PDB file of N, CA and C in Angstrom:
ATOM      1  N   UNK A   1     138.023  53.409  54.102  1.00  0.00           N
ATOM      2  CA  UNK A   1     138.086  54.777  53.638  1.00  0.00           C
ATOM      3  C   UNK A   1     137.140  55.618  54.502  1.00  0.00           C
ATOM      4  N   UNK A   2     137.572  56.807  54.861  1.00  0.00           N
ATOM      5  CA  UNK A   2     136.773  57.696  55.703  1.00  0.00           C
ATOM      6  C   UNK A   2     136.131  58.793  54.860  1.00  0.00           C
ATOM      7  N   UNK A   3     134.924  59.185  55.244  1.00  0.00           N
ATOM      8  CA  UNK A   3     134.200  60.270  54.568  1.00  0.00           C
ATOM      9  C   UNK A   3     134.855  61.602  54.928  1.00  0.00           C
ATOM     10  N   UNK A   4     135.053  62.451  53.939  1.00  0.00           N
ATOM     11  CA  UNK A   4     135.688  63.749  54.196  1.00  0.00           C
ATOM     12  C   UNK A   4     134.721  64.737  54.850  1.00  0.00           C
ATOM     13  N   UNK A   5     133.422  64.448  54.802  1.00  0.00           N
ATOM     14  CA  UNK A   5     132.441  65.352  55.415  1.00  0.00           C
ATOM     15  C   UNK A   5     132.163  65.024  56.875  1.00  0.00           C
ATOM     16  N   UNK A   6     131.875  63.733  57.161  1.00  0.00           N
ATOM     17  CA  UNK A   6     131.481  63.385  58.531  1.00  0.00           C
ATOM     18  C   UNK A   6     132.492  62.499  59.241  1.00  0.00           C
ATOM     19  N   UNK A   7     133.478  61.955  58.513  1.00  0.00           N
ATOM     20  CA  UNK A   7     134.520  61.150  59.129  1.00  0.00           C
ATOM     21  C   UNK A   7     134.155  59.692  59.352  1.00  0.00           C
ATOM     22  N   UNK A   8     132.981  59.271  58.879  1.00  0.00           N
ATOM     23  CA  UNK A   8     132.563  57.880  59.056  1.00  0.00           C
ATOM     24  C   UNK A   8     133.386  56.953  58.179  1.00  0.00           C
ATOM     25  N   UNK A   9     133.623  55.748  58.673  1.00  0.00           N
ATOM     26  CA  UNK A   9     134.371  54.765  57.898  1.00  0.00           C
ATOM     27  C   UNK A   9     133.426  54.070  56.923  1.00  0.00           C
ATOM     28  N   UNK A  10     133.894  53.904  55.688  1.00  0.00           N
ATOM     29  CA  UNK A  10     133.117  53.280  54.627  1.00  0.00           C
ATOM     30  C   UNK A  10     133.985  52.252  53.920  1.00  0.00           C
ATOM     31  N   UNK A  11     133.361  51.317  53.170  1.00  0.00           N
ATOM     32  CA  UNK A  11     134.163  50.365  52.387  1.00  0.00           C
ATOM     33  C   UNK A  11     135.014  51.104  51.358  1.00  0.00           C
ATOM     34  N   UNK A  12     136.141  50.485  50.968  1.00  0.00           N
ATOM     35  CA  UNK A  12     137.060  51.132  50.029  1.00  0.00           C
ATOM     36  C   UNK A  12     136.437  51.378  48.660  1.00  0.00           C
ATOM     37  N   UNK A  13     135.453  50.575  48.260  1.00  0.00           N
ATOM     38  CA  UNK A  13     134.857  50.739  46.935  1.00  0.00           C
ATOM     39  C   UNK A  13     133.588  51.598  46.955  1.00  0.00           C
ATOM     40  N   UNK A  14     133.266  52.211  48.084  1.00  0.00           N
ATOM     41  CA  UNK A  14     132.048  53.018  48.204  1.00  0.00           C
ATOM     42  C   UNK A  14     132.174  54.316  47.423  1.00  0.00           C
ATOM     43  N   UNK A  15     131.079  54.697  46.787  1.00  0.00           N
ATOM     44  CA  UNK A  15     131.008  55.966  46.050  1.00  0.00           C
ATOM     45  C   UNK A  15     130.383  57.069  46.902  1.00  0.00           C
ATOM     46  N   UNK A  16     129.503  56.647  47.839  1.00  0.00           N
ATOM     47  CA  UNK A  16     128.818  57.593  48.713  1.00  0.00           C
ATOM     48  C   UNK A  16     128.927  57.114  50.151  1.00  0.00           C
ATOM     49  N   UNK A  17     128.915  58.050  51.085  1.00  0.00           N
ATOM     50  CA  UNK A  17     129.020  57.736  52.508  1.00  0.00           C
ATOM     51  C   UNK A  17     127.725  57.085  52.999  1.00  0.00           C
ATOM     52  N   UNK A  18     127.864  56.036  53.787  1.00  0.00           N
ATOM     53  CA  UNK A  18     126.703  55.354  54.343  1.00  0.00           C
ATOM     54  C   UNK A  18     126.029  56.149  55.443  1.00  0.00           C
ATOM     55  N   UNK A  19     126.720  57.112  56.052  1.00  0.00           N
ATOM     56  CA  UNK A  19     126.140  57.890  57.150  1.00  0.00           C
ATOM     57  C   UNK A  19     125.496  59.186  56.680  1.00  0.00           C
ATOM     58  N   UNK A  20     126.267  59.997  55.933  1.00  0.00           N
ATOM     59  CA  UNK A  20     125.751  61.318  55.546  1.00  0.00           C
ATOM     60  C   UNK A  20     125.313  61.400  54.091  1.00  0.00           C
ATOM     61  N   UNK A  21     125.680  60.427  53.267  1.00  0.00           N
ATOM     62  CA  UNK A  21     125.273  60.434  51.867  1.00  0.00           C
ATOM     63  C   UNK A  21     126.178  61.252  50.974  1.00  0.00           C
ATOM     64  N   UNK A  22     127.234  61.840  51.511  1.00  0.00           N
ATOM     65  CA  UNK A  22     128.164  62.637  50.709  1.00  0.00           C
ATOM     66  C   UNK A  22     128.991  61.741  49.805  1.00  0.00           C
ATOM     67  N   UNK A  23     129.420  62.302  48.666  1.00  0.00           N
ATOM     68  CA  UNK A  23     130.228  61.503  47.745  1.00  0.00           C
ATOM     69  C   UNK A  23     131.629  61.322  48.313  1.00  0.00           C
ATOM     70  N   UNK A  24     132.163  60.131  48.060  1.00  0.00           N
ATOM     71  CA  UNK A  24     133.495  59.789  48.557  1.00  0.00           C
ATOM     72  C   UNK A  24     134.451  59.781  47.382  1.00  0.00           C
ATOM     73  N   UNK A  25     135.508  60.563  47.511  1.00  0.00           N
ATOM     74  CA  UNK A  25     136.532  60.631  46.472  1.00  0.00           C
ATOM     75  C   UNK A  25     137.707  59.816  46.951  1.00  0.00           C
ATOM     76  N   UNK A  26     138.151  58.892  46.121  1.00  0.00           N
ATOM     77  CA  UNK A  26     139.267  58.027  46.501  1.00  0.00           C
ATOM     78  C   UNK A  26     140.527  58.860  46.635  1.00  0.00           C
ATOM     79  N   UNK A  27     141.264  58.634  47.716  1.00  0.00           N
ATOM     80  CA  UNK A  27     142.520  59.348  47.950  1.00  0.00           C
ATOM     81  C   UNK A  27     143.589  58.762  47.045  1.00  0.00           C
ATOM     82  N   UNK A  28     144.370  59.627  46.393  1.00  0.00           N
ATOM     83  CA  UNK A  28     145.439  59.177  45.503  1.00  0.00           C
ATOM     84  C   UNK A  28     146.779  59.437  46.159  1.00  0.00           C
ATOM     85  N   UNK A  29     146.907  59.034  47.393  1.00  0.00           N
ATOM     86  CA  UNK A  29     148.146  59.249  48.139  1.00  0.00           C
ATOM     87  C   UNK A  29     149.104  58.096  47.876  1.00  0.00           C
ATOM     88  N   UNK A  30     150.384  58.362  47.980  1.00  0.00           N
ATOM     89  CA  UNK A  30     151.396  57.328  47.850  1.00  0.00           C
ATOM     90  C   UNK A  30     151.321  56.423  49.072  1.00  0.00           C
ATOM     91  N   UNK A  31     151.753  55.179  48.947  1.00  0.00           N
ATOM     92  CA  UNK A  31     151.670  54.276  50.096  1.00  0.00           C
ATOM     93  C   UNK A  31     152.401  54.791  51.336  1.00  0.00           C
ATOM     94  N   UNK A  32     153.508  55.541  51.162  1.00  0.00           N
ATOM     95  CA  UNK A  32     154.243  56.056  52.307  1.00  0.00           C
ATOM     96  C   UNK A  32     153.483  57.192  52.981  1.00  0.00           C
ATOM     97  N   UNK A  33     152.711  57.937  52.215  1.00  0.00           N
ATOM     98  CA  UNK A  33     151.977  59.088  52.730  1.00  0.00           C
ATOM     99  C   UNK A  33     150.559  58.663  53.085  1.00  0.00           C
ATOM    100  N   UNK A  34     150.319  58.424  54.318  1.00  0.00           N
ATOM    101  CA  UNK A  34     148.997  58.025  54.773  1.00  0.00           C
ATOM    102  C   UNK A  34     148.195  59.288  55.078  1.00  0.00           C
ATOM    103  N   UNK A  35     147.047  59.438  54.430  1.00  0.00           N
ATOM    104  CA  UNK A  35     146.202  60.604  54.617  1.00  0.00           C
ATOM    105  C   UNK A  35     145.177  60.282  55.699  1.00  0.00           C
ATOM    106  N   UNK A  36     145.132  61.100  56.731  1.00  0.00           N
ATOM    107  CA  UNK A  36     144.186  60.890  57.820  1.00  0.00           C
ATOM    108  C   UNK A  36     142.903  61.657  57.534  1.00  0.00           C
ATOM    109  N   UNK A  37     141.809  60.939  57.438  1.00  0.00           N
ATOM    110  CA  UNK A  37     140.513  61.563  57.191  1.00  0.00           C
ATOM    111  C   UNK A  37     139.619  61.412  58.412  1.00  0.00           C
ATOM    112  N   UNK A  38     140.218  61.350  59.583  1.00  0.00           N
ATOM    113  CA  UNK A  38     139.466  61.200  60.827  1.00  0.00           C
ATOM    114  C   UNK A  38     138.682  62.470  61.114  1.00  0.00           C
ATOM    115  N   UNK A  39     137.566  62.359  61.807  1.00  0.00           N
ATOM    116  CA  UNK A  39     136.780  63.552  62.130  1.00  0.00           C
ATOM    117  C   UNK A  39     137.576  64.485  63.036  1.00  0.00           C
ATOM    118  N   UNK A  40     137.279  65.791  62.968  1.00  0.00           N
ATOM    119  CA  UNK A  40     138.010  66.740  63.810  1.00  0.00           C
ATOM    120  C   UNK A  40     137.742  66.489  65.279  1.00  0.00           C
ATOM    121  N   UNK A  41     138.726  66.799  66.100  1.00  0.00           N
ATOM    122  CA  UNK A  41     138.575  66.619  67.540  1.00  0.00           C
ATOM    123  C   UNK A  41     137.745  67.751  68.115  1.00  0.00           C
ATOM    124  N   UNK A  42     137.297  67.584  69.343  1.00  0.00           N
ATOM    125  CA  UNK A  42     136.461  68.620  69.955  1.00  0.00           C
ATOM    126  C   UNK A  42     137.246  69.894  70.219  1.00  0.00           C
ATOM    127  N   UNK A  43     138.554  69.796  70.468  1.00  0.00           N
ATOM    128  CA  UNK A  43     139.333  71.002  70.707  1.00  0.00           C
ATOM    129  C   UNK A  43     139.427  71.841  69.440  1.00  0.00           C
ATOM    130  N   UNK A  44     139.460  71.194  68.266  1.00  0.00           N
ATOM    131  CA  UNK A  44     139.487  71.937  67.016  1.00  0.00           C
ATOM    132  C   UNK A  44     138.153  72.633  66.784  1.00  0.00           C
ATOM    133  N   UNK A  45     137.072  72.006  67.206  1.00  0.00           N
ATOM    134  CA  UNK A  45     135.758  72.622  67.036  1.00  0.00           C
ATOM    135  C   UNK A  45     135.568  73.806  67.971  1.00  0.00           C
ATOM    136  N   UNK A  46     136.152  73.776  69.150  1.00  0.00           N
ATOM    137  CA  UNK A  46     135.977  74.854  70.111  1.00  0.00           C
ATOM    138  C   UNK A  46     136.696  76.121  69.687  1.00  0.00           C
ATOM    139  N   UNK A  47     137.751  76.025  68.895  1.00  0.00           N
ATOM    140  CA  UNK A  47     138.492  77.214  68.512  1.00  0.00           C
ATOM    141  C   UNK A  47     137.778  78.003  67.429  1.00  0.00           C
ATOM    142  N   UNK A  48     136.830  77.377  66.700  1.00  0.00           N
ATOM    143  CA  UNK A  48     136.136  78.075  65.630  1.00  0.00           C
ATOM    144  C   UNK A  48     135.189  79.149  66.159  1.00  0.00           C
ATOM    145  N   UNK A  49     134.571  78.913  67.277  1.00  0.00           N
ATOM    146  CA  UNK A  49     133.548  79.811  67.802  1.00  0.00           C
ATOM    147  C   UNK A  49     133.843  80.107  69.263  1.00  0.00           C
ATOM    148  N   UNK A  50     133.812  81.383  69.659  1.00  0.00           N
ATOM    149  CA  UNK A  50     134.079  81.678  71.074  1.00  0.00           C
ATOM    150  C   UNK A  50     132.984  81.099  71.960  1.00  0.00           C
ATOM    151  N   UNK A  51     133.370  80.733  73.185  1.00  0.00           N
ATOM    152  CA  UNK A  51     132.427  80.116  74.117  1.00  0.00           C
ATOM    153  C   UNK A  51     131.352  81.101  74.569  1.00  0.00           C
ATOM    154  N   UNK A  52     131.721  82.368  74.685  1.00  0.00           N
ATOM    155  CA  UNK A  52     130.782  83.401  75.115  1.00  0.00           C
ATOM    156  C   UNK A  52     130.786  84.490  74.048  1.00  0.00           C
ATOM    157  N   UNK A  53     129.657  84.668  73.392  1.00  0.00           N
ATOM    158  CA  UNK A  53     129.587  85.673  72.332  1.00  0.00           C
ATOM    159  C   UNK A  53     129.589  87.086  72.924  1.00  0.00           C
ATOM    160  N   UNK A  54     129.993  88.026  72.100  1.00  0.00           N
ATOM    161  CA  UNK A  54     130.035  89.425  72.535  1.00  0.00           C
ATOM    162  C   UNK A  54     128.628  89.924  72.873  1.00  0.00           C
ATOM    163  N   UNK A  55     127.627  89.470  72.128  1.00  0.00           N
ATOM    164  CA  UNK A  55     126.246  89.895  72.384  1.00  0.00           C
ATOM    165  C   UNK A  55     125.773  89.391  73.749  1.00  0.00           C
ATOM    166  N   UNK A  56     126.157  88.172  74.125  1.00  0.00           N
ATOM    167  CA  UNK A  56     125.786  87.649  75.435  1.00  0.00           C
ATOM    168  C   UNK A  56     126.471  88.449  76.540  1.00  0.00           C
ATOM    169  N   UNK A  57     127.743  88.776  76.356  1.00  0.00           N
ATOM    170  CA  UNK A  57     128.463  89.574  77.357  1.00  0.00           C
ATOM    171  C   UNK A  57     127.784  90.920  77.566  1.00  0.00           C
ATOM    172  N   UNK A  58     127.448  91.576  76.480  1.00  0.00           N
ATOM    173  CA  UNK A  58     126.824  92.899  76.564  1.00  0.00           C
ATOM    174  C   UNK A  58     125.436  92.802  77.188  1.00  0.00           C
ATOM    175  N   UNK A  59     124.644  91.821  76.758  1.00  0.00           N
ATOM    176  CA  UNK A  59     123.276  91.668  77.264  1.00  0.00           C
ATOM    177  C   UNK A  59     123.252  91.406  78.763  1.00  0.00           C
ATOM    178  N   UNK A  60     124.092  90.489  79.218  1.00  0.00           N
ATOM    179  CA  UNK A  60     124.114  90.173  80.654  1.00  0.00           C
ATOM    180  C   UNK A  60     124.664  91.352  81.447  1.00  0.00           C
ATOM    181  N   UNK A  61     125.635  92.070  80.896  1.00  0.00           N
ATOM    182  CA  UNK A  61     126.182  93.235  81.595  1.00  0.00           C
ATOM    183  C   UNK A  61     125.120  94.306  81.785  1.00  0.00           C
ATOM    184  N   UNK A  62     124.339  94.570  80.751  1.00  0.00           N
ATOM    185  CA  UNK A  62     123.273  95.573  80.853  1.00  0.00           C
ATOM    186  C   UNK A  62     122.201  95.108  81.837  1.00  0.00           C
ATOM    187  N   UNK A  63     121.820  93.836  81.760  1.00  0.00           N
ATOM    188  CA  UNK A  63     120.815  93.305  82.684  1.00  0.00           C
ATOM    189  C   UNK A  63     121.305  93.357  84.123  1.00  0.00           C
ATOM    190  N   UNK A  64     122.615  93.186  84.312  1.00  0.00           N
ATOM    191  CA  UNK A  64     123.184  93.214  85.657  1.00  0.00           C
ATOM    192  C   UNK A  64     123.087  94.597  86.274  1.00  0.00           C
ATOM    193  N   UNK A  65     123.223  95.645  85.476  1.00  0.00           N
ATOM    194  CA  UNK A  65     123.068  96.998  86.016  1.00  0.00           C
ATOM    195  C   UNK A  65     121.652  97.211  86.531  1.00  0.00           C
ATOM    196  N   UNK A  66     120.673  96.612  85.852  1.00  0.00           N
ATOM    197  CA  UNK A  66     119.285  96.766  86.271  1.00  0.00           C
ATOM    198  C   UNK A  66     118.926  95.833  87.425  1.00  0.00           C
ATOM    199  N   UNK A  67     119.403  94.590  87.333  1.00  0.00           N
ATOM    200  CA  UNK A  67     119.111  93.581  88.357  1.00  0.00           C
ATOM    201  C   UNK A  67     120.433  92.907  88.723  1.00  0.00           C
ATOM    202  N   UNK A  68     121.105  93.366  89.770  1.00  0.00           N
ATOM    203  CA  UNK A  68     122.427  92.839  90.131  1.00  0.00           C
ATOM    204  C   UNK A  68     122.456  91.335  90.370  1.00  0.00           C
ATOM    205  N   UNK A  69     121.330  90.757  90.801  1.00  0.00           N
ATOM    206  CA  UNK A  69     121.251  89.330  91.076  1.00  0.00           C
ATOM    207  C   UNK A  69     121.619  88.493  89.839  1.00  0.00           C
ATOM    208  N   UNK A  70     121.277  88.989  88.641  1.00  0.00           N
ATOM    209  CA  UNK A  70     121.585  88.272  87.394  1.00  0.00           C
ATOM    210  C   UNK A  70     123.097  88.129  87.233  1.00  0.00           C
ATOM    211  N   UNK A  71     123.814  89.211  87.403  1.00  0.00           N
ATOM    212  CA  UNK A  71     125.265  89.174  87.252  1.00  0.00           C
ATOM    213  C   UNK A  71     125.946  88.330  88.306  1.00  0.00           C
ATOM    214  N   UNK A  72     125.411  88.380  89.532  1.00  0.00           N
ATOM    215  CA  UNK A  72     126.000  87.571  90.601  1.00  0.00           C
ATOM    216  C   UNK A  72     125.853  86.082  90.301  1.00  0.00           C
ATOM    217  N   UNK A  73     124.675  85.664  89.882  1.00  0.00           N
ATOM    218  CA  UNK A  73     124.432  84.251  89.590  1.00  0.00           C
ATOM    219  C   UNK A  73     125.211  83.813  88.342  1.00  0.00           C
ATOM    220  N   UNK A  74     125.110  84.584  87.257  1.00  0.00           N
ATOM    221  CA  UNK A  74     125.823  84.223  86.013  1.00  0.00           C
ATOM    222  C   UNK A  74     127.329  84.227  86.242  1.00  0.00           C
ATOM    223  N   UNK A  75     127.816  85.177  87.016  1.00  0.00           N
ATOM    224  CA  UNK A  75     129.242  85.238  87.307  1.00  0.00           C
ATOM    225  C   UNK A  75     129.730  84.006  88.038  1.00  0.00           C
ATOM    226  N   UNK A  76     128.987  83.574  89.036  1.00  0.00           N
ATOM    227  CA  UNK A  76     129.373  82.380  89.792  1.00  0.00           C
ATOM    228  C   UNK A  76     129.329  81.136  88.908  1.00  0.00           C
ATOM    229  N   UNK A  77     128.285  81.013  88.094  1.00  0.00           N
ATOM    230  CA  UNK A  77     128.163  79.842  87.212  1.00  0.00           C
ATOM    231  C   UNK A  77     129.323  79.786  86.222  1.00  0.00           C
ATOM    232  N   UNK A  78     129.642  80.900  85.587  1.00  0.00           N
ATOM    233  CA  UNK A  78     130.691  80.908  84.565  1.00  0.00           C
ATOM    234  C   UNK A  78     132.094  80.826  85.179  1.00  0.00           C
ATOM    235  N   UNK A  79     132.261  81.305  86.396  1.00  0.00           N
ATOM    236  CA  UNK A  79     133.562  81.181  87.055  1.00  0.00           C
ATOM    237  C   UNK A  79     133.886  79.737  87.429  1.00  0.00           C
ATOM    238  N   UNK A  80     132.880  78.905  87.612  1.00  0.00           N
ATOM    239  CA  UNK A  80     133.107  77.506  87.981  1.00  0.00           C
ATOM    240  C   UNK A  80     133.671  76.672  86.834  1.00  0.00           C
ATOM    241  N   UNK A  81     133.547  77.158  85.585  1.00  0.00           N
ATOM    242  CA  UNK A  81     134.052  76.414  84.427  1.00  0.00           C
ATOM    243  C   UNK A  81     135.562  76.591  84.342  1.00  0.00           C
ATOM    244  N   UNK A  82     136.306  75.596  84.791  1.00  0.00           N
ATOM    245  CA  UNK A  82     137.763  75.688  84.822  1.00  0.00           C
ATOM    246  C   UNK A  82     138.408  75.290  83.504  1.00  0.00           C
ATOM    247  N   UNK A  83     137.627  74.790  82.546  1.00  0.00           N
ATOM    248  CA  UNK A  83     138.191  74.340  81.275  1.00  0.00           C
ATOM    249  C   UNK A  83     138.219  75.427  80.216  1.00  0.00           C
ATOM    250  N   UNK A  84     137.423  76.475  80.375  1.00  0.00           N
ATOM    251  CA  UNK A  84     137.326  77.485  79.327  1.00  0.00           C
ATOM    252  C   UNK A  84     137.632  78.865  79.912  1.00  0.00           C
ATOM    253  N   UNK A  85     138.741  79.431  79.503  1.00  0.00           N
ATOM    254  CA  UNK A  85     139.179  80.726  80.029  1.00  0.00           C
ATOM    255  C   UNK A  85     138.253  81.867  79.588  1.00  0.00           C
ATOM    256  N   UNK A  86     137.645  81.734  78.425  1.00  0.00           N
ATOM    257  CA  UNK A  86     136.721  82.758  77.942  1.00  0.00           C
ATOM    258  C   UNK A  86     135.492  82.854  78.854  1.00  0.00           C
ATOM    259  N   UNK A  87     134.980  81.709  79.290  1.00  0.00           N
ATOM    260  CA  UNK A  87     133.838  81.710  80.199  1.00  0.00           C
ATOM    261  C   UNK A  87     134.224  82.270  81.558  1.00  0.00           C
ATOM    262  N   UNK A  88     135.423  81.927  82.035  1.00  0.00           N
ATOM    263  CA  UNK A  88     135.875  82.454  83.333  1.00  0.00           C
ATOM    264  C   UNK A  88     136.020  83.971  83.292  1.00  0.00           C
ATOM    265  N   UNK A  89     136.534  84.502  82.180  1.00  0.00           N
ATOM    266  CA  UNK A  89     136.688  85.956  82.050  1.00  0.00           C
ATOM    267  C   UNK A  89     135.320  86.645  82.048  1.00  0.00           C
ATOM    268  N   UNK A  90     134.357  86.058  81.346  1.00  0.00           N
ATOM    269  CA  UNK A  90     133.007  86.624  81.331  1.00  0.00           C
ATOM    270  C   UNK A  90     132.395  86.549  82.724  1.00  0.00           C
ATOM    271  N   UNK A  91     132.632  85.455  83.427  1.00  0.00           N
ATOM    272  CA  UNK A  91     132.116  85.309  84.795  1.00  0.00           C
ATOM    273  C   UNK A  91     132.680  86.356  85.733  1.00  0.00           C
ATOM    274  N   UNK A  92     133.981  86.634  85.610  1.00  0.00           N
ATOM    275  CA  UNK A  92     134.611  87.675  86.444  1.00  0.00           C
ATOM    276  C   UNK A  92     133.995  89.035  86.149  1.00  0.00           C
ATOM    277  N   UNK A  93     133.793  89.321  84.868  1.00  0.00           N
ATOM    278  CA  UNK A  93     133.199  90.596  84.465  1.00  0.00           C
ATOM    279  C   UNK A  93     131.809  90.748  85.072  1.00  0.00           C
ATOM    280  N   UNK A  94     130.962  89.726  84.895  1.00  0.00           N
ATOM    281  CA  UNK A  94     129.585  89.818  85.383  1.00  0.00           C
ATOM    282  C   UNK A  94     129.518  89.855  86.903  1.00  0.00           C
ATOM    283  N   UNK A  95     130.374  89.123  87.561  1.00  0.00           N
ATOM    284  CA  UNK A  95     130.385  89.133  89.029  1.00  0.00           C
ATOM    285  C   UNK A  95     130.812  90.510  89.543  1.00  0.00           C
ATOM    286  N   UNK A  96     131.813  91.100  88.908  1.00  0.00           N
ATOM    287  CA  UNK A  96     132.278  92.439  89.303  1.00  0.00           C
ATOM    288  C   UNK A  96     131.184  93.477  89.095  1.00  0.00           C
ATOM    289  N   UNK A  97     130.546  93.445  87.929  1.00  0.00           N
ATOM    290  CA  UNK A  97     129.467  94.398  87.650  1.00  0.00           C
ATOM    291  C   UNK A  97     128.311  94.172  88.626  1.00  0.00           C
ATOM    292  N   UNK A  98     128.019  92.915  88.939  1.00  0.00           N
ATOM    293  CA  UNK A  98     126.940  92.602  89.873  1.00  0.00           C
ATOM    294  C   UNK A  98     127.201  93.138  91.264  1.00  0.00           C
ATOM    295  N   UNK A  99     128.433  92.993  91.733  1.00  0.00           N
ATOM    296  CA  UNK A  99     128.778  93.492  93.076  1.00  0.00           C
ATOM    297  C   UNK A  99     128.707  95.016  93.116  1.00  0.00           C
ATOM    298  N   UNK A 100     129.291  95.667  92.117  1.00  0.00           N
ATOM    299  CA  UNK A 100     129.266  97.138  92.063  1.00  0.00           C
ATOM    300  C   UNK A 100     127.832  97.647  91.957  1.00  0.00           C
ATOM    301  N   UNK A 101     127.044  97.004  91.115  1.00  0.00           N
ATOM    302  CA  UNK A 101     125.658  97.416  90.934  1.00  0.00           C
ATOM    303  C   UNK A 101     124.837  97.198  92.208  1.00  0.00           C
ATOM    304  N   UNK A 102     125.087  96.114  92.916  1.00  0.00           N
ATOM    305  CA  UNK A 102     124.370  95.858  94.171  1.00  0.00           C
ATOM    306  C   UNK A 102     124.706  96.917  95.208  1.00  0.00           C
ATOM    307  N   UNK A 103     125.979  97.307  95.282  1.00  0.00           N
ATOM    308  CA  UNK A 103     126.385  98.352  96.233  1.00  0.00           C
ATOM    309  C   UNK A 103     125.738  99.683  95.868  1.00  0.00           C
ATOM    310  N   UNK A 104     125.763 100.031  94.590  1.00  0.00           N
ATOM    311  CA  UNK A 104     125.142 101.288  94.156  1.00  0.00           C
ATOM    312  C   UNK A 104     123.638 101.285  94.424  1.00  0.00           C
ATOM    313  N   UNK A 105     122.975 100.176  94.144  1.00  0.00           N
ATOM    314  CA  UNK A 105     121.534 100.089  94.412  1.00  0.00           C
ATOM    315  C   UNK A 105     121.234 100.217  95.905  1.00  0.00           C
ATOM    316  N   UNK A 106     122.068  99.634  96.736  1.00  0.00           N
ATOM    317  CA  UNK A 106     121.864  99.736  98.185  1.00  0.00           C
ATOM    318  C   UNK A 106     122.057 101.170  98.647  1.00  0.00           C
ATOM    319  N   UNK A 107     123.051 101.862  98.105  1.00  0.00           N
ATOM    320  CA  UNK A 107     123.263 103.258  98.475  1.00  0.00           C
ATOM    321  C   UNK A 107     122.116 104.146  98.011  1.00  0.00           C
ATOM    322  N   UNK A 108     121.638 103.891  96.815  1.00  0.00           N
ATOM    323  CA  UNK A 108     120.517 104.687  96.296  1.00  0.00           C
ATOM    324  C   UNK A 108     119.256 104.450  97.120  1.00  0.00           C
ATOM    325  N   UNK A 109     118.990 103.204  97.464  1.00  0.00           N
ATOM    326  CA  UNK A 109     117.790 102.882  98.249  1.00  0.00           C
ATOM    327  C   UNK A 109     117.851 103.461  99.664  1.00  0.00           C
ATOM    328  N   UNK A 110     119.042 103.540 100.235  1.00  0.00           N
ATOM    329  CA  UNK A 110     119.155 104.063 101.587  1.00  0.00           C
ATOM    330  C   UNK A 110     119.159 105.593 101.618  1.00  0.00           C
ATOM    331  N   UNK A 111     119.285 106.203 100.468  1.00  0.00           N
ATOM    332  CA  UNK A 111     119.274 107.660 100.392  1.00  0.00           C
ATOM    333  C   UNK A 111     120.620 108.298 100.651  1.00  0.00           C
ATOM    334  N   UNK A 112     121.674 107.493 100.741  1.00  0.00           N
ATOM    335  CA  UNK A 112     123.015 108.028 101.004  1.00  0.00           C
ATOM    336  C   UNK A 112     123.705 108.523  99.739  1.00  0.00           C
ATOM    337  N   UNK A 113     123.156 108.237  98.614  1.00  0.00           N
ATOM    338  CA  UNK A 113     123.840 108.570  97.358  1.00  0.00           C
ATOM    339  C   UNK A 113     123.087 109.584  96.584  1.00  0.00           C
TER     340      UNK A 113
END
């Protein structure tokens, strides 16, 4: 029998989970209907929370306007993650802001702007 909280396997007659201590309720499923109490997969856990929070996007974007180097580095790091599209999108945003900010800072410093 598997624990409904942590997914650990326990003896069929157990009242409490040996791993997390949660109470185990015996499943009353018919023999044909097998109930899977396996722990959630990592892909299910990733969909609950975005990889890059809105506060992080805003904070790095603002910091990039002040110091373009931050956006350039963060953009390159996040663009390298090929498994998460949310991180790649944030990386593109920060890299773009970093490049634009670096150009504007160079123009301001040279007195051309």
